[in-house]
Amino acid sequence: MARLVLIDFYSEWCGPCRDQTAAVDEVARRLEDLVEVRKVDVAERRDLVSAYRLTTVPTVIIERDGKIVTRLEHPVDVETLESLLNSLADDHGTRGNKYEQTSAD
């Protein structure tokens, strides 16, 4: 199954972007087998700003198979982002066997 791709659109001058990027970094660490994280500085990638029709930063876009499944145009905390990604993975069967293993007692 395809992994989720999380794209963190930010700007260096944006205070809320720094908070959002910190949350994204933590979620990426926690869910490294579930999600691929890409970071895009909007000042450097105007082509992507246009392609994704961004109107604000921070913006987080989550894709699967090249299609947007979620778009967040406001900062979200680690717990909310982690819960959302887990839900998307569970709904679409993108979790690997790692999460299905149980320990033998």
C-alpha atoms as a PDB file:
ATOM      1  CA  MET A   1       0.000   0.000   0.000  1.00  0.00           C
ATOM      2  CA  ALA A   2       1.116   3.570  -0.654  1.00  0.00           C
ATOM      3  CA  ARG A   3       2.453   5.611   2.227  1.00  0.00           C
ATOM      4  CA  LEU A   4       0.916   8.917   3.092  1.00  0.00           C
ATOM      5  CA  VAL A   5       2.852  12.007   2.035  1.00  0.00           C
ATOM      6  CA  LEU A   6       2.671  15.062   4.278  1.00  0.00           C
ATOM      7  CA  ILE A   7       3.771  18.340   2.706  1.00  0.00           C
ATOM      8  CA  ASP A   8       4.567  21.148   5.143  1.00  0.00           C
ATOM      9  CA  PHE A   9       4.362  24.518   3.357  1.00  0.00           C
ATOM     10  CA  TYR A  10       6.045  27.240   5.424  1.00  0.00           C
ATOM     11  CA  SER A  11       7.879  30.543   5.315  1.00  0.00           C
ATOM     12  CA  GLU A  12      10.936  31.520   7.343  1.00  0.00           C
ATOM     13  CA  TRP A  13       9.329  34.787   8.550  1.00  0.00           C
ATOM     14  CA  CYS A  14       6.141  33.081   9.786  1.00  0.00           C
ATOM     15  CA  GLY A  15       5.935  32.433  13.549  1.00  0.00           C
ATOM     16  CA  PRO A  16       3.027  29.955  13.331  1.00  0.00           C
ATOM     17  CA  CYS A  17       4.959  28.134  10.606  1.00  0.00           C
ATOM     18  CA  ARG A  18       7.825  27.445  13.017  1.00  0.00           C
ATOM     19  CA  ASP A  19       5.369  25.932  15.500  1.00  0.00           C
ATOM     20  CA  GLN A  20       3.724  23.868  12.763  1.00  0.00           C
ATOM     21  CA  THR A  21       7.068  22.619  11.457  1.00  0.00           C
ATOM     22  CA  ALA A  22       8.058  21.543  14.979  1.00  0.00           C
ATOM     23  CA  ALA A  23       4.810  19.548  15.231  1.00  0.00           C
ATOM     24  CA  VAL A  24       5.402  18.020  11.789  1.00  0.00           C
ATOM     25  CA  ASP A  25       8.957  17.038  12.792  1.00  0.00           C
ATOM     26  CA  GLU A  26       7.681  15.296  15.934  1.00  0.00           C
ATOM     27  CA  VAL A  27       4.957  13.432  14.052  1.00  0.00           C
ATOM     28  CA  ALA A  28       7.471  12.423  11.377  1.00  0.00           C
ATOM     29  CA  ARG A  29       9.676  10.954  14.107  1.00  0.00           C
ATOM     30  CA  ARG A  30       6.766   9.079  15.697  1.00  0.00           C
ATOM     31  CA  LEU A  31       5.261   7.790  12.443  1.00  0.00           C
ATOM     32  CA  GLU A  32       8.330   7.415  10.249  1.00  0.00           C
ATOM     33  CA  ASP A  33       7.108   4.125   8.751  1.00  0.00           C
ATOM     34  CA  LEU A  34       3.672   5.533   7.978  1.00  0.00           C
ATOM     35  CA  VAL A  35       4.314   8.933   6.438  1.00  0.00           C
ATOM     36  CA  GLU A  36       6.836  10.598   4.155  1.00  0.00           C
ATOM     37  CA  VAL A  37       7.377  14.248   5.061  1.00  0.00           C
ATOM     38  CA  ARG A  38       8.301  16.938   2.557  1.00  0.00           C
ATOM     39  CA  LYS A  39       8.982  20.544   3.520  1.00  0.00           C
ATOM     40  CA  VAL A  40       8.462  23.404   1.111  1.00  0.00           C
ATOM     41  CA  ASP A  41       9.616  26.979   1.709  1.00  0.00           C
ATOM     42  CA  VAL A  42       7.033  28.976  -0.224  1.00  0.00           C
ATOM     43  CA  ALA A  43       9.573  31.713  -1.043  1.00  0.00           C
ATOM     44  CA  GLU A  44      11.702  29.163  -2.908  1.00  0.00           C
ATOM     45  CA  ARG A  45       8.959  27.184  -4.652  1.00  0.00           C
ATOM     46  CA  ARG A  46       6.461  29.604  -6.152  1.00  0.00           C
ATOM     47  CA  ASP A  47       5.592  26.906  -8.699  1.00  0.00           C
ATOM     48  CA  LEU A  48       4.252  24.663  -5.931  1.00  0.00           C
ATOM     49  CA  VAL A  49       2.423  27.576  -4.289  1.00  0.00           C
ATOM     50  CA  SER A  50       0.588  28.016  -7.573  1.00  0.00           C
ATOM     51  CA  ALA A  51       0.097  24.312  -8.267  1.00  0.00           C
ATOM     52  CA  TYR A  52      -1.416  23.701  -4.809  1.00  0.00           C
ATOM     53  CA  ARG A  53      -3.295  27.027  -4.864  1.00  0.00           C
ATOM     54  CA  LEU A  54      -1.970  28.108  -1.494  1.00  0.00           C
ATOM     55  CA  THR A  55      -3.473  31.178   0.087  1.00  0.00           C
ATOM     56  CA  THR A  56      -1.874  31.029   3.520  1.00  0.00           C
ATOM     57  CA  VAL A  57       0.984  29.576   5.521  1.00  0.00           C
ATOM     58  CA  PRO A  58       1.326  27.370   7.327  1.00  0.00           C
ATOM     59  CA  THR A  59      -0.495  24.865   5.168  1.00  0.00           C
ATOM     60  CA  VAL A  60      -0.181  21.111   5.553  1.00  0.00           C
ATOM     61  CA  ILE A  61      -1.329  18.891   2.720  1.00  0.00           C
ATOM     62  CA  ILE A  62      -1.605  15.124   3.040  1.00  0.00           C
ATOM     63  CA  GLU A  63      -1.572  13.066  -0.134  1.00  0.00           C
ATOM     64  CA  ARG A  64      -1.941   9.427  -1.081  1.00  0.00           C
ATOM     65  CA  ASP A  65      -1.072   8.218  -4.565  1.00  0.00           C
ATOM     66  CA  GLY A  66      -0.538  11.814  -5.695  1.00  0.00           C
ATOM     67  CA  LYS A  67      -4.029  12.924  -4.655  1.00  0.00           C
ATOM     68  CA  ILE A  68      -4.835  15.328  -1.840  1.00  0.00           C
ATOM     69  CA  VAL A  69      -6.773  13.623   0.945  1.00  0.00           C
ATOM     70  CA  THR A  70      -6.512  16.392   3.555  1.00  0.00           C
ATOM     71  CA  ARG A  71      -5.645  20.072   3.529  1.00  0.00           C
ATOM     72  CA  LEU A  72      -5.020  22.000   6.770  1.00  0.00           C
ATOM     73  CA  GLU A  73      -4.715  25.759   6.413  1.00  0.00           C
ATOM     74  CA  HIS A  74      -4.144  26.482  10.077  1.00  0.00           C
ATOM     75  CA  PRO A  75      -1.635  25.253  12.655  1.00  0.00           C
ATOM     76  CA  VAL A  76      -2.411  21.924  14.300  1.00  0.00           C
ATOM     77  CA  ASP A  77      -0.724  20.337  17.296  1.00  0.00           C
ATOM     78  CA  VAL A  78       1.206  17.064  17.376  1.00  0.00           C
ATOM     79  CA  GLU A  79      -1.645  15.024  18.834  1.00  0.00           C
ATOM     80  CA  THR A  80      -4.188  16.249  16.287  1.00  0.00           C
ATOM     81  CA  LEU A  81      -1.844  15.653  13.363  1.00  0.00           C
ATOM     82  CA  GLU A  82      -0.823  12.212  14.613  1.00  0.00           C
ATOM     83  CA  SER A  83      -4.458  11.214  15.167  1.00  0.00           C
ATOM     84  CA  LEU A  84      -5.409  12.400  11.677  1.00  0.00           C
ATOM     85  CA  LEU A  85      -2.589  10.450  10.028  1.00  0.00           C
ATOM     86  CA  ASN A  86      -3.389   7.306  12.010  1.00  0.00           C
ATOM     87  CA  SER A  87      -7.044   7.613  11.037  1.00  0.00           C
ATOM     88  CA  LEU A  88      -6.200   8.053   7.348  1.00  0.00           C
ATOM     89  CA  ALA A  89      -3.871   5.059   7.477  1.00  0.00           C
ATOM     90  CA  ASP A  90      -6.466   2.889   9.214  1.00  0.00           C
ATOM     91  CA  ASP A  91      -9.248   3.948   6.833  1.00  0.00           C
ATOM     92  CA  HIS A  92      -7.231   3.090   3.769  1.00  0.00           C
ATOM     93  CA  GLY A  93      -5.170   0.130   4.933  1.00  0.00           C
ATOM     94  CA  THR A  94      -1.800   1.819   4.587  1.00  0.00           C
ATOM     95  CA  ARG A  95      -0.414   0.460   7.815  1.00  0.00           C
ATOM     96  CA  GLY A  96       2.283  -2.145   7.484  1.00  0.00           C
ATOM     97  CA  ASN A  97       2.560  -5.448   9.312  1.00  0.00           C
ATOM     98  CA  LYS A  98       4.591  -3.715  12.005  1.00  0.00           C
ATOM     99  CA  TYR A  99       1.354  -2.363  13.466  1.00  0.00           C
ATOM    100  CA  GLU A 100      -0.500  -5.648  13.222  1.00  0.00           C
ATOM    101  CA  GLN A 101       1.957  -7.727  15.208  1.00  0.00           C
ATOM    102  CA  THR A 102       1.039  -8.814  18.693  1.00  0.00           C
ATOM    103  CA  SER A 103       3.392 -10.025  21.348  1.00  0.00           C
ATOM    104  CA  ALA A 104       3.338 -13.662  22.411  1.00  0.00           C
ATOM    105  CA  ASP A 105       2.759 -14.060  26.128  1.00  0.00           C
END
